[in-house]
Amino acid sequence: MSIKAVVADDEAAARSRLRKLLASHSDIHIDAEACDGVETLEAIEQHKPDVLFLDIHMPGLTGFDVVRALPDDRCPLIVFVTAFDDYALQAFDANALAYLLKPVAAPRLDAAVQRVRQIMQTPAAIETEHARLHVAAQLDRQPLRHVLALQRDRYRIIPLSDVCFFRVEDGVTRVKTATENLRTNYAIGDLETRLPSPPFFRAHRSIIANIDMVETVAPMFKGSLVLTMKDAQRSEIHVSERQAPIVREMLQL
């Protein structure tokens, strides 16, 4: 069995060490290397690896940002790599396929590769591992500094200051900026817990809006509100009676 792999680490020396260690496993074929989160996502999109050796601490997007950006149908098995014995690694070990501490030790890597081989034997085991992986990724509850959006075959990093609102459309969370409406892989509930508040708030079950991108506010029946946003379309967002007090407090109305 041939196993396609991608190695993602911002340190060239770390990638080189991992490549040399993996060379002893004749069934592992490294199709690509990546030095940051966006390159990692693009490498996964292009090469569709079976396994990803993923550094947790990378500039821009962390390893967990990468995991959360991956749709289930393009998510490889993942072995986390980190230089820091923090991040509740015991919990990772319980929920993810494996984690490796830098400098990577050959016996630990060998054990991780053997586990990859075992899991790849059955589709059910792969599905179980994907579920465990997403549990591990959710252990990182760091606030978002930006969001990832999909544009054709590329990923875009969108600063939070550019976001007008997020809206769920046909089961997909989309991010609306002043001029664009782009797809993301975030769940709306995950965004609500990780976006800074203020300026972001839950306007509706399917919408999270940026109070700094509100142009006008109009009262409606029973205390609800209609917000006109600063995007090119001057989108209107209806704020429920229950959520309206949050907007009033943020705007000091």
C-alpha atoms as a PDB file:
ATOM      1  CA  MET A   1       0.000   0.000   0.000  1.00  0.00           C
ATOM      2  CA  SER A   2       1.323   3.429  -0.981  1.00  0.00           C
ATOM      3  CA  ILE A   3       0.610   6.316   1.414  1.00  0.00           C
ATOM      4  CA  LYS A   4       0.638   9.884   0.058  1.00  0.00           C
ATOM      5  CA  ALA A   5       1.881  12.474   2.550  1.00  0.00           C
ATOM      6  CA  VAL A   6       2.291  16.233   2.945  1.00  0.00           C
ATOM      7  CA  VAL A   7       4.692  17.768   5.481  1.00  0.00           C
ATOM      8  CA  ALA A   8       3.725  21.212   6.834  1.00  0.00           C
ATOM      9  CA  ASP A   9       6.114  23.197   9.024  1.00  0.00           C
ATOM     10  CA  ASP A  10       7.359  26.776   8.890  1.00  0.00           C
ATOM     11  CA  GLU A  11      10.908  25.642   9.748  1.00  0.00           C
ATOM     12  CA  ALA A  12      12.887  24.234   6.811  1.00  0.00           C
ATOM     13  CA  ALA A  13      15.142  22.264   9.163  1.00  0.00           C
ATOM     14  CA  ALA A  14      12.154  20.581  10.773  1.00  0.00           C
ATOM     15  CA  ARG A  15      10.718  19.622   7.378  1.00  0.00           C
ATOM     16  CA  SER A  16      14.098  18.242   6.312  1.00  0.00           C
ATOM     17  CA  ARG A  17      14.436  16.147   9.491  1.00  0.00           C
ATOM     18  CA  LEU A  18      10.962  14.707   9.090  1.00  0.00           C
ATOM     19  CA  ARG A  19      11.574  13.907   5.425  1.00  0.00           C
ATOM     20  CA  LYS A  20      14.803  12.039   6.316  1.00  0.00           C
ATOM     21  CA  LEU A  21      13.085  10.061   9.069  1.00  0.00           C
ATOM     22  CA  LEU A  22      10.174   9.163   6.806  1.00  0.00           C
ATOM     23  CA  ALA A  23      12.597   7.941   4.120  1.00  0.00           C
ATOM     24  CA  SER A  24      12.982   4.713   6.109  1.00  0.00           C
ATOM     25  CA  HIS A  25       9.314   3.941   5.425  1.00  0.00           C
ATOM     26  CA  SER A  26       9.208   2.816   1.795  1.00  0.00           C
ATOM     27  CA  ASP A  27       5.417   3.076   1.595  1.00  0.00           C
ATOM     28  CA  ILE A  28       5.342   6.780   2.581  1.00  0.00           C
ATOM     29  CA  HIS A  29       5.655   9.143  -0.388  1.00  0.00           C
ATOM     30  CA  ILE A  30       5.932  12.863   0.375  1.00  0.00           C
ATOM     31  CA  ASP A  31       4.123  14.656  -2.437  1.00  0.00           C
ATOM     32  CA  ALA A  32       4.557  18.202  -1.124  1.00  0.00           C
ATOM     33  CA  GLU A  33       5.910  20.407   1.642  1.00  0.00           C
ATOM     34  CA  ALA A  34       4.297  23.586   2.982  1.00  0.00           C
ATOM     35  CA  CYS A  35       5.672  26.382   5.145  1.00  0.00           C
ATOM     36  CA  ASP A  36       2.430  28.020   6.301  1.00  0.00           C
ATOM     37  CA  GLY A  37      -1.269  27.334   6.700  1.00  0.00           C
ATOM     38  CA  VAL A  38      -2.441  28.622   3.327  1.00  0.00           C
ATOM     39  CA  GLU A  39       0.235  26.622   1.485  1.00  0.00           C
ATOM     40  CA  THR A  40      -0.854  23.581   3.487  1.00  0.00           C
ATOM     41  CA  LEU A  41      -4.480  23.945   2.448  1.00  0.00           C
ATOM     42  CA  GLU A  42      -3.505  24.424  -1.176  1.00  0.00           C
ATOM     43  CA  ALA A  43      -1.209  21.370  -1.048  1.00  0.00           C
ATOM     44  CA  ILE A  44      -4.061  19.275   0.345  1.00  0.00           C
ATOM     45  CA  GLU A  45      -6.383  20.544  -2.377  1.00  0.00           C
ATOM     46  CA  GLN A  46      -3.852  19.740  -5.097  1.00  0.00           C
ATOM     47  CA  HIS A  47      -2.353  16.443  -3.897  1.00  0.00           C
ATOM     48  CA  LYS A  48      -5.162  14.943  -1.764  1.00  0.00           C
ATOM     49  CA  PRO A  49      -2.767  13.234   0.663  1.00  0.00           C
ATOM     50  CA  ASP A  50      -3.647  10.294   2.857  1.00  0.00           C
ATOM     51  CA  VAL A  51      -1.761  11.768   5.821  1.00  0.00           C
ATOM     52  CA  LEU A  52      -0.612  15.256   6.826  1.00  0.00           C
ATOM     53  CA  PHE A  53       2.277  15.845   9.230  1.00  0.00           C
ATOM     54  CA  LEU A  54       1.135  19.211  10.579  1.00  0.00           C
ATOM     55  CA  ASP A  55       3.016  21.710  12.738  1.00  0.00           C
ATOM     56  CA  ILE A  56       0.686  23.270  15.309  1.00  0.00           C
ATOM     57  CA  HIS A  57       2.559  26.578  15.604  1.00  0.00           C
ATOM     58  CA  MET A  58       2.789  28.223  12.184  1.00  0.00           C
ATOM     59  CA  PRO A  59       2.613  31.925  11.285  1.00  0.00           C
ATOM     60  CA  GLY A  60      -0.716  33.268  10.086  1.00  0.00           C
ATOM     61  CA  LEU A  61      -2.793  30.118  10.381  1.00  0.00           C
ATOM     62  CA  THR A  62      -2.127  27.611  13.145  1.00  0.00           C
ATOM     63  CA  GLY A  63      -2.397  23.897  12.593  1.00  0.00           C
ATOM     64  CA  PHE A  64      -5.831  23.980  14.199  1.00  0.00           C
ATOM     65  CA  ASP A  65      -6.937  26.748  11.840  1.00  0.00           C
ATOM     66  CA  VAL A  66      -5.967  24.426   8.998  1.00  0.00           C
ATOM     67  CA  VAL A  67      -7.999  21.552  10.456  1.00  0.00           C
ATOM     68  CA  ARG A  68     -11.096  23.698  10.920  1.00  0.00           C
ATOM     69  CA  ALA A  69     -10.803  24.991   7.345  1.00  0.00           C
ATOM     70  CA  LEU A  70     -10.816  21.497   5.841  1.00  0.00           C
ATOM     71  CA  PRO A  71     -14.107  20.043   4.600  1.00  0.00           C
ATOM     72  CA  ASP A  72     -14.695  16.463   5.693  1.00  0.00           C
ATOM     73  CA  ASP A  73     -14.393  15.090   2.158  1.00  0.00           C
ATOM     74  CA  ARG A  74     -10.853  16.480   1.781  1.00  0.00           C
ATOM     75  CA  CYS A  75      -9.530  15.884   5.284  1.00  0.00           C
ATOM     76  CA  PRO A  76      -6.497  13.563   5.459  1.00  0.00           C
ATOM     77  CA  LEU A  77      -5.351  11.695   8.535  1.00  0.00           C
ATOM     78  CA  ILE A  78      -3.288  14.141  10.596  1.00  0.00           C
ATOM     79  CA  VAL A  79      -0.253  13.719  12.806  1.00  0.00           C
ATOM     80  CA  PHE A  80       0.292  16.892  14.842  1.00  0.00           C
ATOM     81  CA  VAL A  81       3.839  18.158  15.359  1.00  0.00           C
ATOM     82  CA  THR A  82       4.804  20.712  18.026  1.00  0.00           C
ATOM     83  CA  ALA A  83       7.866  22.116  19.763  1.00  0.00           C
ATOM     84  CA  PHE A  84       5.911  22.896  22.930  1.00  0.00           C
ATOM     85  CA  ASP A  85       4.680  20.445  25.532  1.00  0.00           C
ATOM     86  CA  ASP A  86       1.627  22.536  26.327  1.00  0.00           C
ATOM     87  CA  TYR A  87      -1.761  22.717  24.551  1.00  0.00           C
ATOM     88  CA  ALA A  88      -3.066  19.833  26.699  1.00  0.00           C
ATOM     89  CA  LEU A  89      -1.181  17.280  24.628  1.00  0.00           C
ATOM     90  CA  GLN A  90      -2.584  14.403  26.646  1.00  0.00           C
ATOM     91  CA  ALA A  91      -6.004  15.407  25.349  1.00  0.00           C
ATOM     92  CA  PHE A  92      -4.637  15.490  21.796  1.00  0.00           C
ATOM     93  CA  ASP A  93      -3.233  12.029  22.272  1.00  0.00           C
ATOM     94  CA  ALA A  94      -6.679  10.820  23.305  1.00  0.00           C
ATOM     95  CA  ASN A  95      -8.546  12.474  20.441  1.00  0.00           C
ATOM     96  CA  ALA A  96      -6.124  12.748  17.523  1.00  0.00           C
ATOM     97  CA  LEU A  97      -4.196  10.118  15.606  1.00  0.00           C
ATOM     98  CA  ALA A  98      -0.871  11.143  17.155  1.00  0.00           C
ATOM     99  CA  TYR A  99       1.286  14.075  18.116  1.00  0.00           C
ATOM    100  CA  LEU A 100       5.042  14.350  17.809  1.00  0.00           C
ATOM    101  CA  LEU A 101       7.249  16.581  19.939  1.00  0.00           C
ATOM    102  CA  LYS A 102      10.164  18.326  18.247  1.00  0.00           C
ATOM    103  CA  PRO A 103      12.851  17.277  17.688  1.00  0.00           C
ATOM    104  CA  VAL A 104      10.924  14.327  16.310  1.00  0.00           C
ATOM    105  CA  ALA A 105      12.181  10.990  17.644  1.00  0.00           C
ATOM    106  CA  ALA A 106      12.288   8.071  15.226  1.00  0.00           C
ATOM    107  CA  PRO A 107      10.509   5.545  17.518  1.00  0.00           C
ATOM    108  CA  ARG A 108       7.588   7.896  18.083  1.00  0.00           C
ATOM    109  CA  LEU A 109       7.341   8.636  14.357  1.00  0.00           C
ATOM    110  CA  ASP A 110       7.498   4.926  13.554  1.00  0.00           C
ATOM    111  CA  ALA A 111       4.584   4.305  15.926  1.00  0.00           C
ATOM    112  CA  ALA A 112       2.560   7.089  14.273  1.00  0.00           C
ATOM    113  CA  VAL A 113       3.222   5.696  10.792  1.00  0.00           C
ATOM    114  CA  GLN A 114       2.201   2.230  11.912  1.00  0.00           C
ATOM    115  CA  ARG A 115      -1.059   3.639  13.260  1.00  0.00           C
ATOM    116  CA  VAL A 116      -1.676   5.392   9.933  1.00  0.00           C
ATOM    117  CA  ARG A 117      -1.218   2.053   8.160  1.00  0.00           C
ATOM    118  CA  GLN A 118      -3.694   0.353  10.477  1.00  0.00           C
ATOM    119  CA  ILE A 119      -6.351   3.053  10.154  1.00  0.00           C
ATOM    120  CA  MET A 120      -6.116   3.106   6.363  1.00  0.00           C
ATOM    121  CA  GLN A 121      -7.129  -0.546   6.209  1.00  0.00           C
ATOM    122  CA  THR A 122     -10.847   0.222   6.636  1.00  0.00           C
ATOM    123  CA  PRO A 123     -13.078   3.198   5.668  1.00  0.00           C
ATOM    124  CA  ALA A 124     -14.871   2.994   9.031  1.00  0.00           C
ATOM    125  CA  ALA A 125     -11.599   3.525  10.888  1.00  0.00           C
ATOM    126  CA  ILE A 126     -10.819   6.566   8.727  1.00  0.00           C
ATOM    127  CA  GLU A 127     -14.246   8.088   9.491  1.00  0.00           C
ATOM    128  CA  THR A 128     -13.743   7.485  13.208  1.00  0.00           C
ATOM    129  CA  GLU A 129     -10.343   9.162  13.073  1.00  0.00           C
ATOM    130  CA  HIS A 130     -11.783  12.201  11.297  1.00  0.00           C
ATOM    131  CA  ALA A 131     -14.349  12.589  14.081  1.00  0.00           C
ATOM    132  CA  ARG A 132     -11.624  12.339  16.733  1.00  0.00           C
ATOM    133  CA  LEU A 133      -9.517  14.850  14.824  1.00  0.00           C
ATOM    134  CA  HIS A 134     -12.247  17.483  14.891  1.00  0.00           C
ATOM    135  CA  VAL A 135     -12.678  16.954  18.633  1.00  0.00           C
ATOM    136  CA  ALA A 136      -8.949  17.580  19.069  1.00  0.00           C
ATOM    137  CA  ALA A 137      -9.103  20.734  16.947  1.00  0.00           C
ATOM    138  CA  GLN A 138     -11.919  22.130  19.067  1.00  0.00           C
ATOM    139  CA  LEU A 139      -9.675  21.946  22.138  1.00  0.00           C
ATOM    140  CA  ASP A 140      -7.982  25.066  20.816  1.00  0.00           C
ATOM    141  CA  ARG A 141     -10.395  27.874  21.634  1.00  0.00           C
ATOM    142  CA  GLN A 142      -8.126  30.797  20.781  1.00  0.00           C
ATOM    143  CA  PRO A 143     -10.054  33.842  19.510  1.00  0.00           C
ATOM    144  CA  LEU A 144     -10.091  34.267  15.764  1.00  0.00           C
ATOM    145  CA  ARG A 145      -7.822  36.949  14.330  1.00  0.00           C
ATOM    146  CA  HIS A 146      -9.057  36.436  10.768  1.00  0.00           C
ATOM    147  CA  VAL A 147     -11.177  33.947   8.851  1.00  0.00           C
ATOM    148  CA  LEU A 148     -10.491  31.707   5.885  1.00  0.00           C
ATOM    149  CA  ALA A 149     -12.667  31.852   2.799  1.00  0.00           C
ATOM    150  CA  LEU A 150     -12.670  29.751  -0.364  1.00  0.00           C
ATOM    151  CA  GLN A 151     -12.298  31.492  -3.703  1.00  0.00           C
ATOM    152  CA  ARG A 152     -12.236  29.109  -6.659  1.00  0.00           C
ATOM    153  CA  ASP A 153      -9.309  26.776  -5.939  1.00  0.00           C
ATOM    154  CA  ARG A 154      -7.621  29.062  -3.408  1.00  0.00           C
ATOM    155  CA  TYR A 155      -8.040  30.097   0.214  1.00  0.00           C
ATOM    156  CA  ARG A 156      -8.281  33.750   1.183  1.00  0.00           C
ATOM    157  CA  ILE A 157      -7.389  35.202   4.572  1.00  0.00           C
ATOM    158  CA  ILE A 158     -10.041  37.790   5.464  1.00  0.00           C
ATOM    159  CA  PRO A 159      -9.213  40.252   8.281  1.00  0.00           C
ATOM    160  CA  LEU A 160     -12.054  40.544  10.779  1.00  0.00           C
ATOM    161  CA  SER A 161     -12.195  44.288  10.160  1.00  0.00           C
ATOM    162  CA  ASP A 162     -13.265  43.556   6.545  1.00  0.00           C
ATOM    163  CA  VAL A 163     -16.190  41.348   7.555  1.00  0.00           C
ATOM    164  CA  CYS A 164     -19.692  42.814   7.345  1.00  0.00           C
ATOM    165  CA  PHE A 165     -21.470  39.653   8.431  1.00  0.00           C
ATOM    166  CA  PHE A 166     -21.579  35.861   8.280  1.00  0.00           C
ATOM    167  CA  ARG A 167     -24.716  34.143   7.051  1.00  0.00           C
ATOM    168  CA  VAL A 168     -25.717  30.499   6.685  1.00  0.00           C
ATOM    169  CA  GLU A 169     -27.083  29.866   3.199  1.00  0.00           C
ATOM    170  CA  ASP A 170     -28.256  26.372   2.210  1.00  0.00           C
ATOM    171  CA  GLY A 171     -26.297  24.890   5.093  1.00  0.00           C
ATOM    172  CA  VAL A 172     -23.058  26.710   4.185  1.00  0.00           C
ATOM    173  CA  THR A 173     -21.599  29.596   6.205  1.00  0.00           C
ATOM    174  CA  ARG A 174     -20.629  32.474   3.939  1.00  0.00           C
ATOM    175  CA  VAL A 175     -18.671  35.621   4.809  1.00  0.00           C
ATOM    176  CA  LYS A 176     -19.802  38.936   3.365  1.00  0.00           C
ATOM    177  CA  THR A 177     -17.333  41.780   2.948  1.00  0.00           C
ATOM    178  CA  ALA A 178     -17.947  45.162   1.354  1.00  0.00           C
ATOM    179  CA  THR A 179     -17.632  43.679  -2.133  1.00  0.00           C
ATOM    180  CA  GLU A 180     -17.555  39.869  -1.870  1.00  0.00           C
ATOM    181  CA  ASN A 181     -19.677  36.954  -0.703  1.00  0.00           C
ATOM    182  CA  LEU A 182     -17.402  33.959  -0.103  1.00  0.00           C
ATOM    183  CA  ARG A 183     -17.828  30.423   1.155  1.00  0.00           C
ATOM    184  CA  THR A 184     -16.217  29.223   4.385  1.00  0.00           C
ATOM    185  CA  ASN A 185     -16.044  25.896   6.210  1.00  0.00           C
ATOM    186  CA  TYR A 186     -16.936  27.314   9.642  1.00  0.00           C
ATOM    187  CA  ALA A 187     -19.955  26.320  11.671  1.00  0.00           C
ATOM    188  CA  ILE A 188     -21.923  29.370  12.788  1.00  0.00           C
ATOM    189  CA  GLY A 189     -21.801  28.185  16.403  1.00  0.00           C
ATOM    190  CA  ASP A 190     -18.009  27.919  16.310  1.00  0.00           C
ATOM    191  CA  LEU A 191     -17.776  31.462  14.954  1.00  0.00           C
ATOM    192  CA  GLU A 192     -20.029  32.780  17.714  1.00  0.00           C
ATOM    193  CA  THR A 193     -17.758  31.401  20.438  1.00  0.00           C
ATOM    194  CA  ARG A 194     -14.486  32.505  18.840  1.00  0.00           C
ATOM    195  CA  LEU A 195     -15.242  35.928  17.362  1.00  0.00           C
ATOM    196  CA  PRO A 196     -14.618  38.974  19.570  1.00  0.00           C
ATOM    197  CA  SER A 197     -17.788  40.492  21.019  1.00  0.00           C
ATOM    198  CA  PRO A 198     -18.001  43.397  20.446  1.00  0.00           C
ATOM    199  CA  PRO A 199     -17.898  44.068  17.554  1.00  0.00           C
ATOM    200  CA  PHE A 200     -19.488  40.767  16.481  1.00  0.00           C
ATOM    201  CA  PHE A 201     -22.905  39.671  17.687  1.00  0.00           C
ATOM    202  CA  ARG A 202     -25.519  37.044  16.837  1.00  0.00           C
ATOM    203  CA  ALA A 203     -28.232  38.971  15.032  1.00  0.00           C
ATOM    204  CA  HIS A 204     -30.258  35.915  14.129  1.00  0.00           C
ATOM    205  CA  ARG A 205     -29.994  32.132  14.292  1.00  0.00           C
ATOM    206  CA  SER A 206     -28.229  32.146  10.920  1.00  0.00           C
ATOM    207  CA  ILE A 207     -26.411  35.524  11.018  1.00  0.00           C
ATOM    208  CA  ILE A 208     -23.472  36.999  12.913  1.00  0.00           C
ATOM    209  CA  ALA A 209     -22.883  40.675  12.151  1.00  0.00           C
ATOM    210  CA  ASN A 210     -20.107  43.206  12.727  1.00  0.00           C
ATOM    211  CA  ILE A 211     -21.458  46.229  14.606  1.00  0.00           C
ATOM    212  CA  ASP A 212     -18.682  48.385  13.122  1.00  0.00           C
ATOM    213  CA  MET A 213     -20.107  47.725   9.638  1.00  0.00           C
ATOM    214  CA  VAL A 214     -23.636  48.920  10.448  1.00  0.00           C
ATOM    215  CA  GLU A 215     -24.659  52.024   8.503  1.00  0.00           C
ATOM    216  CA  THR A 216     -28.209  52.618   9.770  1.00  0.00           C
ATOM    217  CA  VAL A 217     -30.554  51.182  12.402  1.00  0.00           C
ATOM    218  CA  ALA A 218     -34.341  51.197  12.070  1.00  0.00           C
ATOM    219  CA  PRO A 219     -36.844  50.095  14.751  1.00  0.00           C
ATOM    220  CA  MET A 220     -39.428  47.457  13.857  1.00  0.00           C
ATOM    221  CA  PHE A 221     -42.366  45.764  15.554  1.00  0.00           C
ATOM    222  CA  LYS A 222     -42.113  44.620  19.182  1.00  0.00           C
ATOM    223  CA  GLY A 223     -38.614  46.016  19.685  1.00  0.00           C
ATOM    224  CA  SER A 224     -36.890  44.266  16.802  1.00  0.00           C
ATOM    225  CA  LEU A 225     -34.488  46.130  14.538  1.00  0.00           C
ATOM    226  CA  VAL A 226     -33.402  46.280  10.902  1.00  0.00           C
ATOM    227  CA  LEU A 227     -29.746  47.023  10.253  1.00  0.00           C
ATOM    228  CA  THR A 228     -28.446  48.334   6.946  1.00  0.00           C
ATOM    229  CA  MET A 229     -24.884  47.202   6.432  1.00  0.00           C
ATOM    230  CA  LYS A 230     -21.993  48.993   4.719  1.00  0.00           C
ATOM    231  CA  ASP A 231     -21.535  46.470   1.936  1.00  0.00           C
ATOM    232  CA  ALA A 232     -22.065  47.463  -1.692  1.00  0.00           C
ATOM    233  CA  GLN A 233     -25.577  45.974  -1.703  1.00  0.00           C
ATOM    234  CA  ARG A 234     -26.560  47.748   1.544  1.00  0.00           C
ATOM    235  CA  SER A 235     -27.772  44.411   2.868  1.00  0.00           C
ATOM    236  CA  GLU A 236     -30.533  44.487   5.472  1.00  0.00           C
ATOM    237  CA  ILE A 237     -30.266  42.313   8.565  1.00  0.00           C
ATOM    238  CA  HIS A 238     -33.249  41.731  10.810  1.00  0.00           C
ATOM    239  CA  VAL A 239     -32.392  41.557  14.495  1.00  0.00           C
ATOM    240  CA  SER A 240     -34.828  39.649  16.664  1.00  0.00           C
ATOM    241  CA  GLU A 241     -36.530  41.184  19.687  1.00  0.00           C
ATOM    242  CA  ARG A 242     -34.417  38.997  21.954  1.00  0.00           C
ATOM    243  CA  GLN A 243     -31.119  40.081  20.338  1.00  0.00           C
ATOM    244  CA  ALA A 244     -32.018  43.757  19.871  1.00  0.00           C
ATOM    245  CA  PRO A 245     -30.881  44.818  23.394  1.00  0.00           C
ATOM    246  CA  ILE A 246     -27.357  43.611  22.547  1.00  0.00           C
ATOM    247  CA  VAL A 247     -27.267  45.907  19.506  1.00  0.00           C
ATOM    248  CA  ARG A 248     -28.659  48.820  21.466  1.00  0.00           C
ATOM    249  CA  GLU A 249     -26.004  48.358  24.131  1.00  0.00           C
ATOM    250  CA  MET A 250     -23.197  48.117  21.571  1.00  0.00           C
ATOM    251  CA  LEU A 251     -24.406  51.249  19.780  1.00  0.00           C
ATOM    252  CA  GLN A 252     -25.306  52.997  23.058  1.00  0.00           C
ATOM    253  CA  LEU A 253     -28.821  53.691  21.779  1.00  0.00           C
END
